[in-house]
Amino acid sequence: MIWRKLTNLQMPTRTIMTDLENKRKALEVQANEVKSNISLEMDDLKKIAKERGNQILIAGGIVAGSYLIYSLFSGGSESKKEGKNESSFLGSAIKSYLLAVALSMAKDKLVDYLKNLEEESVSKEQ
């Protein structure tokens, strides 16, 4: 009789343990899914950051290059310009052409960057 009472007491603890183990396994599977989703999102964020960084770097390089070209063809510092009031027609034409090309390239890069931002925001909203 005592044996029956002990076996009856042991049975519920076994079922409780198996229920806890099943819940633990289910939670571990869920945790692994969440980890994989987070790692995928981090990879996407890294890719987007790298693309935007490259676009900003290119646009900044174009602007810096434009300024460098402009300063090279403009004749240097202000003190040199005071002694030389006239500039050659050819130098002025080359300066304005190169400046226009550089600014056009910078504008194109910035427009592409803004289009990419708009497309990404539209795709995220949907």
N, C-alpha and C. Protein backbone atom coordinates (compact mmCIF):
# COMPACT_ATOMS: atom_id res chain seq x y z
N MET A 1 0.81 -1.19 0.00
CA MET A 1 0.00 0.00 0.00
C MET A 1 0.87 1.26 0.00
N ILE A 2 1.86 1.27 0.81
CA ILE A 2 2.77 2.41 0.83
C ILE A 2 3.45 2.55 -0.53
N TRP A 3 3.78 1.43 -1.13
CA TRP A 3 4.44 1.45 -2.44
C TRP A 3 3.55 2.12 -3.50
N ARG A 4 2.27 1.84 -3.46
CA ARG A 4 1.34 2.45 -4.41
C ARG A 4 1.29 3.96 -4.23
N LYS A 5 1.30 4.42 -3.01
CA LYS A 5 1.28 5.86 -2.76
C LYS A 5 2.56 6.52 -3.26
N LEU A 6 3.68 5.86 -3.10
CA LEU A 6 4.94 6.42 -3.58
C LEU A 6 4.97 6.47 -5.10
N THR A 7 4.51 5.41 -5.75
CA THR A 7 4.51 5.42 -7.22
C THR A 7 3.54 6.46 -7.75
N ASN A 8 2.43 6.68 -7.11
CA ASN A 8 1.48 7.70 -7.53
C ASN A 8 2.09 9.09 -7.37
N LEU A 9 2.90 9.29 -6.36
CA LEU A 9 3.54 10.58 -6.17
C LEU A 9 4.65 10.82 -7.20
N GLN A 10 5.30 9.75 -7.59
CA GLN A 10 6.41 9.90 -8.53
C GLN A 10 5.92 10.15 -9.95
N MET A 11 4.80 9.67 -10.30
CA MET A 11 4.29 9.83 -11.66
C MET A 11 4.07 11.30 -12.03
N PRO A 12 3.42 12.10 -11.19
CA PRO A 12 3.23 13.49 -11.58
C PRO A 12 4.55 14.25 -11.71
N THR A 13 5.54 13.94 -10.90
CA THR A 13 6.81 14.66 -11.02
C THR A 13 7.49 14.32 -12.33
N ARG A 14 7.33 13.09 -12.79
CA ARG A 14 7.91 12.73 -14.10
C ARG A 14 7.24 13.51 -15.23
N THR A 15 5.94 13.62 -15.18
CA THR A 15 5.25 14.37 -16.23
C THR A 15 5.58 15.85 -16.16
N ILE A 16 5.75 16.37 -14.95
CA ILE A 16 6.13 17.78 -14.80
C ILE A 16 7.52 18.00 -15.38
N MET A 17 8.43 17.08 -15.13
CA MET A 17 9.79 17.20 -15.65
C MET A 17 9.80 17.13 -17.17
N THR A 18 9.02 16.23 -17.74
CA THR A 18 8.99 16.14 -19.20
C THR A 18 8.35 17.38 -19.79
N ASP A 19 7.33 17.93 -19.13
CA ASP A 19 6.72 19.17 -19.61
C ASP A 19 7.73 20.31 -19.56
N LEU A 20 8.48 20.38 -18.49
CA LEU A 20 9.50 21.43 -18.38
C LEU A 20 10.59 21.25 -19.43
N GLU A 21 10.99 20.03 -19.69
CA GLU A 21 12.00 19.78 -20.72
C GLU A 21 11.48 20.15 -22.09
N ASN A 22 10.23 19.82 -22.36
CA ASN A 22 9.63 20.18 -23.66
C ASN A 22 9.54 21.69 -23.82
N LYS A 23 9.15 22.38 -22.76
CA LYS A 23 9.07 23.84 -22.82
C LYS A 23 10.47 24.44 -23.02
N ARG A 24 11.44 23.87 -22.33
CA ARG A 24 12.82 24.35 -22.46
C ARG A 24 13.32 24.17 -23.88
N LYS A 25 13.06 23.02 -24.47
CA LYS A 25 13.48 22.76 -25.86
C LYS A 25 12.79 23.72 -26.82
N ALA A 26 11.50 23.95 -26.58
CA ALA A 26 10.77 24.89 -27.44
C ALA A 26 11.34 26.29 -27.32
N LEU A 27 11.66 26.70 -26.10
CA LEU A 27 12.25 28.03 -25.89
C LEU A 27 13.63 28.13 -26.51
N GLU A 28 14.41 27.06 -26.47
CA GLU A 28 15.73 27.07 -27.10
C GLU A 28 15.61 27.20 -28.61
N VAL A 29 14.64 26.51 -29.20
CA VAL A 29 14.42 26.63 -30.65
C VAL A 29 14.01 28.05 -31.00
N GLN A 30 13.12 28.62 -30.19
CA GLN A 30 12.67 29.99 -30.43
C GLN A 30 13.84 30.97 -30.28
N ALA A 31 14.68 30.76 -29.29
CA ALA A 31 15.84 31.64 -29.08
C ALA A 31 16.80 31.55 -30.27
N ASN A 32 17.00 30.36 -30.80
CA ASN A 32 17.87 30.21 -31.97
C ASN A 32 17.30 30.91 -33.20
N GLU A 33 15.97 30.86 -33.36
CA GLU A 33 15.34 31.57 -34.47
C GLU A 33 15.52 33.08 -34.33
N VAL A 34 15.35 33.57 -33.11
CA VAL A 34 15.52 35.02 -32.87
C VAL A 34 16.96 35.43 -33.14
N LYS A 35 17.92 34.60 -32.71
CA LYS A 35 19.33 34.91 -32.96
C LYS A 35 19.62 34.96 -34.45
N SER A 36 19.08 34.02 -35.21
CA SER A 36 19.34 34.01 -36.65
C SER A 36 18.69 35.21 -37.32
N ASN A 37 17.48 35.60 -36.87
CA ASN A 37 16.82 36.78 -37.44
C ASN A 37 17.62 38.05 -37.13
N ILE A 38 18.13 38.15 -35.93
CA ILE A 38 18.93 39.32 -35.55
C ILE A 38 20.21 39.39 -36.37
N SER A 39 20.86 38.25 -36.58
CA SER A 39 22.09 38.26 -37.36
C SER A 39 21.81 38.63 -38.81
N LEU A 40 20.68 38.20 -39.36
CA LEU A 40 20.32 38.59 -40.72
C LEU A 40 20.06 40.09 -40.81
N GLU A 41 19.37 40.63 -39.83
CA GLU A 41 19.11 42.07 -39.82
C GLU A 41 20.40 42.87 -39.67
N MET A 42 21.32 42.38 -38.85
CA MET A 42 22.60 43.07 -38.69
C MET A 42 23.39 43.05 -40.00
N ASP A 43 23.34 41.93 -40.72
CA ASP A 43 24.02 41.87 -42.01
C ASP A 43 23.42 42.87 -42.99
N ASP A 44 22.10 42.99 -42.99
CA ASP A 44 21.44 43.96 -43.85
C ASP A 44 21.84 45.39 -43.48
N LEU A 45 21.88 45.68 -42.18
CA LEU A 45 22.26 47.02 -41.73
C LEU A 45 23.71 47.34 -42.11
N LYS A 46 24.59 46.35 -41.99
CA LYS A 46 25.98 46.56 -42.37
C LYS A 46 26.09 46.86 -43.86
N LYS A 47 25.33 46.13 -44.66
CA LYS A 47 25.36 46.34 -46.11
C LYS A 47 24.87 47.74 -46.47
N ILE A 48 23.77 48.16 -45.85
CA ILE A 48 23.21 49.49 -46.12
C ILE A 48 24.19 50.57 -45.68
N ALA A 49 24.80 50.40 -44.51
CA ALA A 49 25.76 51.39 -44.01
C ALA A 49 26.97 51.49 -44.93
N LYS A 50 27.42 50.35 -45.43
CA LYS A 50 28.57 50.36 -46.33
C LYS A 50 28.22 51.07 -47.65
N GLU A 51 27.03 50.79 -48.19
CA GLU A 51 26.62 51.45 -49.44
C GLU A 51 26.50 52.96 -49.27
N ARG A 52 25.85 53.37 -48.20
CA ARG A 52 25.66 54.82 -47.96
C ARG A 52 27.00 55.49 -47.68
N GLY A 53 27.85 54.82 -46.95
CA GLY A 53 29.18 55.38 -46.68
C GLY A 53 29.96 55.58 -47.95
N ASN A 54 29.89 54.61 -48.86
CA ASN A 54 30.58 54.74 -50.15
C ASN A 54 30.01 55.89 -50.96
N GLN A 55 28.68 56.02 -50.96
CA GLN A 55 28.06 57.12 -51.72
C GLN A 55 28.47 58.47 -51.16
N ILE A 56 28.47 58.59 -49.85
CA ILE A 56 28.85 59.86 -49.21
C ILE A 56 30.32 60.15 -49.46
N LEU A 57 31.15 59.11 -49.41
CA LEU A 57 32.58 59.28 -49.67
C LEU A 57 32.83 59.74 -51.10
N ILE A 58 32.13 59.17 -52.05
CA ILE A 58 32.29 59.56 -53.45
C ILE A 58 31.84 61.01 -53.64
N ALA A 59 30.68 61.37 -53.08
CA ALA A 59 30.19 62.74 -53.22
C ALA A 59 31.16 63.73 -52.56
N GLY A 60 31.67 63.39 -51.40
CA GLY A 60 32.63 64.26 -50.73
C GLY A 60 33.92 64.39 -51.52
N GLY A 61 34.37 63.29 -52.12
CA GLY A 61 35.56 63.33 -52.96
C GLY A 61 35.38 64.21 -54.17
N ILE A 62 34.20 64.14 -54.76
CA ILE A 62 33.92 64.98 -55.93
C ILE A 62 33.92 66.46 -55.54
N VAL A 63 33.29 66.76 -54.41
CA VAL A 63 33.25 68.16 -53.96
C VAL A 63 34.67 68.64 -53.62
N ALA A 64 35.44 67.81 -52.92
CA ALA A 64 36.80 68.20 -52.57
C ALA A 64 37.67 68.34 -53.82
N GLY A 65 37.51 67.42 -54.76
CA GLY A 65 38.26 67.51 -56.01
C GLY A 65 37.89 68.75 -56.80
N SER A 66 36.59 69.08 -56.80
CA SER A 66 36.14 70.29 -57.49
C SER A 66 36.78 71.53 -56.87
N TYR A 67 36.81 71.57 -55.56
CA TYR A 67 37.42 72.72 -54.89
C TYR A 67 38.91 72.79 -55.18
N LEU A 68 39.56 71.64 -55.18
CA LEU A 68 40.99 71.60 -55.47
C LEU A 68 41.28 72.10 -56.89
N ILE A 69 40.51 71.61 -57.84
CA ILE A 69 40.69 72.05 -59.24
C ILE A 69 40.42 73.54 -59.36
N TYR A 70 39.36 73.99 -58.70
CA TYR A 70 39.04 75.42 -58.76
C TYR A 70 40.16 76.26 -58.17
N SER A 71 40.69 75.81 -57.02
CA SER A 71 41.74 76.60 -56.38
C SER A 71 43.04 76.56 -57.19
N LEU A 72 43.30 75.45 -57.89
CA LEU A 72 44.50 75.38 -58.72
C LEU A 72 44.42 76.32 -59.92
N PHE A 73 43.25 76.37 -60.52
CA PHE A 73 43.12 77.20 -61.72
C PHE A 73 42.75 78.64 -61.40
N SER A 74 42.39 78.93 -60.16
CA SER A 74 42.03 80.30 -59.84
C SER A 74 43.25 81.17 -59.58
N GLY A 75 44.42 80.58 -59.50
CA GLY A 75 45.62 81.38 -59.38
C GLY A 75 46.19 81.43 -57.99
N GLY A 76 45.71 80.64 -57.06
CA GLY A 76 46.33 80.56 -55.73
C GLY A 76 45.71 81.51 -54.74
N SER A 77 46.57 82.14 -53.93
CA SER A 77 46.10 82.95 -52.80
C SER A 77 45.62 84.33 -53.26
N GLU A 78 45.02 85.04 -52.33
CA GLU A 78 44.46 86.36 -52.63
C GLU A 78 45.55 87.39 -52.90
N SER A 79 46.72 87.26 -52.26
CA SER A 79 47.77 88.25 -52.46
C SER A 79 48.30 88.21 -53.89
N LYS A 80 48.33 87.06 -54.50
CA LYS A 80 48.76 86.95 -55.89
C LYS A 80 47.72 87.54 -56.82
N LYS A 81 46.44 87.42 -56.45
CA LYS A 81 45.38 87.95 -57.31
C LYS A 81 45.38 89.49 -57.33
N GLU A 82 45.83 90.11 -56.25
CA GLU A 82 45.82 91.57 -56.20
C GLU A 82 46.77 92.15 -57.23
N GLY A 83 47.90 91.52 -57.47
CA GLY A 83 48.85 92.02 -58.45
C GLY A 83 48.43 91.69 -59.87
N LYS A 84 47.58 90.73 -60.06
CA LYS A 84 47.18 90.29 -61.39
C LYS A 84 45.66 90.43 -61.51
N ASN A 85 45.22 91.48 -62.12
CA ASN A 85 43.79 91.73 -62.27
C ASN A 85 43.20 91.00 -63.47
N GLU A 86 43.99 90.75 -64.47
CA GLU A 86 43.49 90.10 -65.67
C GLU A 86 43.86 88.62 -65.66
N SER A 87 42.93 87.80 -66.11
CA SER A 87 43.23 86.38 -66.28
C SER A 87 43.02 86.02 -67.74
N SER A 88 43.69 84.98 -68.17
CA SER A 88 43.59 84.62 -69.58
C SER A 88 42.23 84.03 -69.88
N PHE A 89 41.81 84.23 -71.11
CA PHE A 89 40.52 83.69 -71.53
C PHE A 89 40.51 82.17 -71.49
N LEU A 90 41.60 81.55 -71.92
CA LEU A 90 41.69 80.09 -71.95
C LEU A 90 41.65 79.51 -70.53
N GLY A 91 42.37 80.13 -69.61
CA GLY A 91 42.36 79.67 -68.22
C GLY A 91 40.98 79.76 -67.60
N SER A 92 40.29 80.85 -67.88
CA SER A 92 38.93 81.02 -67.35
C SER A 92 37.98 80.01 -67.95
N ALA A 93 38.11 79.73 -69.23
CA ALA A 93 37.23 78.76 -69.88
C ALA A 93 37.46 77.36 -69.33
N ILE A 94 38.72 76.99 -69.14
CA ILE A 94 39.02 75.66 -68.61
C ILE A 94 38.50 75.53 -67.17
N LYS A 95 38.72 76.60 -66.39
CA LYS A 95 38.23 76.59 -65.01
C LYS A 95 36.73 76.39 -64.95
N SER A 96 36.01 77.16 -65.73
CA SER A 96 34.56 77.09 -65.67
C SER A 96 34.05 75.73 -66.19
N TYR A 97 34.71 75.19 -67.23
CA TYR A 97 34.31 73.90 -67.76
C TYR A 97 34.54 72.79 -66.74
N LEU A 98 35.73 72.76 -66.14
CA LEU A 98 36.04 71.73 -65.15
C LEU A 98 35.14 71.85 -63.91
N LEU A 99 34.88 73.05 -63.50
CA LEU A 99 34.00 73.26 -62.36
C LEU A 99 32.58 72.78 -62.68
N ALA A 100 32.11 73.07 -63.87
CA ALA A 100 30.77 72.63 -64.27
C ALA A 100 30.70 71.11 -64.33
N VAL A 101 31.72 70.46 -64.87
CA VAL A 101 31.73 69.00 -64.94
C VAL A 101 31.75 68.39 -63.54
N ALA A 102 32.60 68.91 -62.67
CA ALA A 102 32.71 68.37 -61.32
C ALA A 102 31.40 68.57 -60.54
N LEU A 103 30.81 69.73 -60.67
CA LEU A 103 29.54 69.98 -59.98
C LEU A 103 28.41 69.12 -60.56
N SER A 104 28.43 68.89 -61.85
CA SER A 104 27.44 68.02 -62.46
C SER A 104 27.57 66.59 -61.94
N MET A 105 28.81 66.11 -61.82
CA MET A 105 29.03 64.76 -61.30
C MET A 105 28.58 64.68 -59.84
N ALA A 106 28.86 65.70 -59.06
CA ALA A 106 28.44 65.71 -57.66
C ALA A 106 26.92 65.73 -57.56
N LYS A 107 26.30 66.51 -58.43
CA LYS A 107 24.83 66.57 -58.44
C LYS A 107 24.24 65.21 -58.77
N ASP A 108 24.80 64.53 -59.77
CA ASP A 108 24.30 63.20 -60.16
C ASP A 108 24.44 62.21 -59.01
N LYS A 109 25.58 62.24 -58.33
CA LYS A 109 25.78 61.32 -57.21
C LYS A 109 24.79 61.62 -56.08
N LEU A 110 24.56 62.88 -55.80
CA LEU A 110 23.63 63.24 -54.74
C LEU A 110 22.19 62.87 -55.11
N VAL A 111 21.82 63.05 -56.37
CA VAL A 111 20.48 62.67 -56.82
C VAL A 111 20.30 61.16 -56.71
N ASP A 112 21.31 60.39 -57.12
CA ASP A 112 21.23 58.93 -56.99
C ASP A 112 21.09 58.53 -55.53
N TYR A 113 21.84 59.17 -54.66
CA TYR A 113 21.77 58.87 -53.23
C TYR A 113 20.38 59.16 -52.68
N LEU A 114 19.81 60.30 -53.06
CA LEU A 114 18.47 60.65 -52.57
C LEU A 114 17.41 59.69 -53.12
N LYS A 115 17.56 59.26 -54.38
CA LYS A 115 16.62 58.28 -54.95
C LYS A 115 16.70 56.96 -54.18
N ASN A 116 17.91 56.53 -53.85
CA ASN A 116 18.07 55.29 -53.09
C ASN A 116 17.41 55.41 -51.72
N LEU A 117 17.59 56.55 -51.07
CA LEU A 117 16.96 56.76 -49.77
C LEU A 117 15.43 56.71 -49.88
N GLU A 118 14.90 57.34 -50.92
CA GLU A 118 13.45 57.36 -51.11
C GLU A 118 12.92 55.95 -51.39
N GLU A 119 13.62 55.19 -52.24
CA GLU A 119 13.18 53.82 -52.55
C GLU A 119 13.22 52.94 -51.31
N GLU A 120 14.24 53.10 -50.49
CA GLU A 120 14.35 52.30 -49.28
C GLU A 120 13.25 52.65 -48.28
N SER A 121 12.92 53.93 -48.17
CA SER A 121 11.87 54.32 -47.23
C SER A 121 10.51 53.84 -47.71
N VAL A 122 10.27 53.85 -49.04
CA VAL A 122 9.02 53.35 -49.58
C VAL A 122 8.91 51.84 -49.38
N SER A 123 10.02 51.13 -49.61
CA SER A 123 9.99 49.67 -49.45
C SER A 123 9.82 49.28 -47.98
N LYS A 124 10.34 50.07 -47.05
CA LYS A 124 10.19 49.77 -45.63
C LYS A 124 8.75 50.02 -45.17
N GLU A 125 8.09 51.03 -45.77
CA GLU A 125 6.71 51.34 -45.40
C GLU A 125 5.76 50.24 -45.86
N GLN A 126 6.09 49.59 -46.95
CA GLN A 126 5.20 48.55 -47.48
C GLN A 126 5.51 47.29 -46.79
